[in-house]
């Protein structure tokens, strides 16, 4: 088996050797449950950090902004997996399972960043 045979076998395997970020950029790659969960988790963490810093710097207060963050975060995740990646949610446990990926960790990060930036910037 030469090196060209190895390359052919790797190409036949398809997208199994791509990282989650490479698959996200490619958009039309095939996903397994763990990789999709990891990508959705980290997208949600990035959104949480940005929103937390932004909410704290502006300064925004109140429960309404927590609800807005939750809606924005969930909407972005839904858009990524259903519109951009065109993933069939039922193959991964349904919309509820995919929308829960990283939800509680992102809420914690969002609240921590919001509180920290708000306290440091305005007190």
Protein backbone atom coordinates (compact mmCIF):
# COMPACT_ATOMS: atom_id res chain seq x y z
CA UNK A 1 0.00 0.00 0.00
CA UNK A 2 1.66 3.20 -1.17
CA UNK A 3 1.14 6.73 0.08
CA UNK A 4 -1.36 7.43 -2.68
CA UNK A 5 -3.51 4.52 -1.46
CA UNK A 6 -3.47 6.04 2.01
CA UNK A 7 -4.65 9.38 0.63
CA UNK A 8 -7.43 7.69 -1.32
CA UNK A 9 -8.61 5.84 1.79
CA UNK A 10 -8.55 9.07 3.79
CA UNK A 11 -10.61 10.86 1.13
CA UNK A 12 -13.12 8.00 1.09
CA UNK A 13 -13.58 8.31 4.84
CA UNK A 14 -14.84 11.81 4.11
CA UNK A 15 -14.93 14.33 6.92
CA UNK A 16 -13.86 12.11 9.82
CA UNK A 17 -10.39 13.66 10.08
CA UNK A 18 -11.57 17.28 10.15
CA UNK A 19 -11.70 19.17 13.43
CA UNK A 20 -14.92 20.75 14.67
CA UNK A 21 -13.79 24.23 13.62
CA UNK A 22 -12.86 23.04 10.13
CA UNK A 23 -16.24 21.34 9.79
CA UNK A 24 -18.01 24.49 10.98
CA UNK A 25 -16.22 26.59 8.38
CA UNK A 26 -16.87 24.01 5.67
CA UNK A 27 -20.57 23.99 6.57
CA UNK A 28 -21.67 20.90 4.64
CA UNK A 29 -19.61 18.31 6.52
CA UNK A 30 -21.06 15.27 8.24
CA UNK A 31 -21.26 15.45 12.05
CA UNK A 32 -21.21 13.00 14.90
CA UNK A 33 -23.04 13.80 18.14
CA UNK A 34 -19.94 14.68 20.21
CA UNK A 35 -18.39 16.99 17.63
CA UNK A 36 -21.62 18.88 17.02
CA UNK A 37 -22.21 19.18 20.75
CA UNK A 38 -18.70 20.57 21.29
CA UNK A 39 -19.04 23.12 18.50
CA UNK A 40 -22.45 24.31 19.73
CA UNK A 41 -21.14 24.47 23.29
CA UNK A 42 -18.20 26.69 22.38
CA UNK A 43 -20.25 28.96 20.13
CA UNK A 44 -22.62 29.49 23.04
CA UNK A 45 -19.69 30.25 25.39
CA UNK A 46 -18.35 32.88 22.99
CA UNK A 47 -21.80 34.49 22.78
CA UNK A 48 -22.04 34.44 26.59
CA UNK A 49 -18.69 36.15 27.04
CA UNK A 50 -19.39 38.84 24.46
CA UNK A 51 -22.89 39.55 25.79
CA UNK A 52 -21.73 39.53 29.42
CA UNK A 53 -18.95 42.05 28.77
CA UNK A 54 -21.24 44.18 26.61
CA UNK A 55 -24.13 44.15 29.08
CA UNK A 56 -21.78 45.06 31.94
CA UNK A 57 -20.04 47.85 30.05
CA UNK A 58 -23.20 49.58 28.78
CA UNK A 59 -24.52 49.16 31.85
CA UNK A 60 -27.69 47.12 31.56
CA UNK A 61 -29.54 45.78 34.58
CA UNK A 62 -32.58 43.65 35.22
CA UNK A 63 -34.01 40.23 34.55
CA UNK A 64 -35.18 41.26 31.09
CA UNK A 65 -31.59 41.28 29.85
CA UNK A 66 -31.05 37.73 31.11
CA UNK A 67 -34.06 36.65 29.08
CA UNK A 68 -32.77 38.55 26.05
CA UNK A 69 -29.41 36.80 26.37
CA UNK A 70 -31.10 33.39 26.63
CA UNK A 71 -33.22 34.11 23.55
CA UNK A 72 -30.26 35.49 21.57
CA UNK A 73 -28.03 32.57 22.50
CA UNK A 74 -30.65 29.92 21.75
CA UNK A 75 -31.62 31.62 18.50
CA UNK A 76 -28.03 31.74 17.36
CA UNK A 77 -27.47 28.07 18.19
CA UNK A 78 -30.69 27.09 16.40
CA UNK A 79 -29.62 29.11 13.36
CA UNK A 80 -26.20 27.49 13.28
CA UNK A 81 -27.37 23.88 13.36
CA UNK A 82 -30.61 24.16 11.39
CA UNK A 83 -29.92 26.85 8.79
CA UNK A 84 -26.14 26.99 8.34
CA UNK A 85 -25.17 23.35 8.99
CA UNK A 86 -28.52 21.89 7.83
CA UNK A 87 -28.36 19.17 10.48
CA UNK A 88 -31.41 16.98 11.07
CA UNK A 89 -32.08 17.60 14.76
CA UNK A 90 -33.86 14.26 15.19
CA UNK A 91 -30.61 12.41 14.46
CA UNK A 92 -29.06 14.15 17.46
CA UNK A 93 -31.88 13.79 19.98
CA UNK A 94 -34.17 16.58 18.79
CA UNK A 95 -34.16 20.35 19.04
CA UNK A 96 -34.32 20.28 22.83
CA UNK A 97 -31.11 18.27 23.16
CA UNK A 98 -29.21 20.49 20.73
CA UNK A 99 -30.50 23.70 22.29
CA UNK A 100 -29.37 22.54 25.74
CA UNK A 101 -25.75 22.07 24.64
CA UNK A 102 -23.70 24.39 26.83
CA UNK A 103 -26.75 26.29 28.10
CA UNK A 104 -26.03 26.16 31.82
CA UNK A 105 -22.31 26.80 31.45
CA UNK A 106 -23.01 29.75 29.17
CA UNK A 107 -25.52 31.22 31.63
CA UNK A 108 -22.90 31.00 34.36
CA UNK A 109 -20.22 32.61 32.17
CA UNK A 110 -22.64 35.31 31.03
CA UNK A 111 -23.68 36.21 34.58
CA UNK A 112 -20.07 36.16 35.81
CA UNK A 113 -18.81 38.39 32.98
CA UNK A 114 -21.78 40.75 33.30
CA UNK A 115 -21.42 41.12 37.05
CA UNK A 116 -17.64 41.46 36.95
CA UNK A 117 -17.52 44.07 34.18
CA UNK A 118 -20.46 46.00 35.64
CA UNK A 119 -18.86 46.08 39.10
CA UNK A 120 -15.41 47.03 37.85
CA UNK A 121 -16.62 49.69 35.43
CA UNK A 122 -19.35 51.35 37.45
CA UNK A 123 -18.34 51.15 41.11
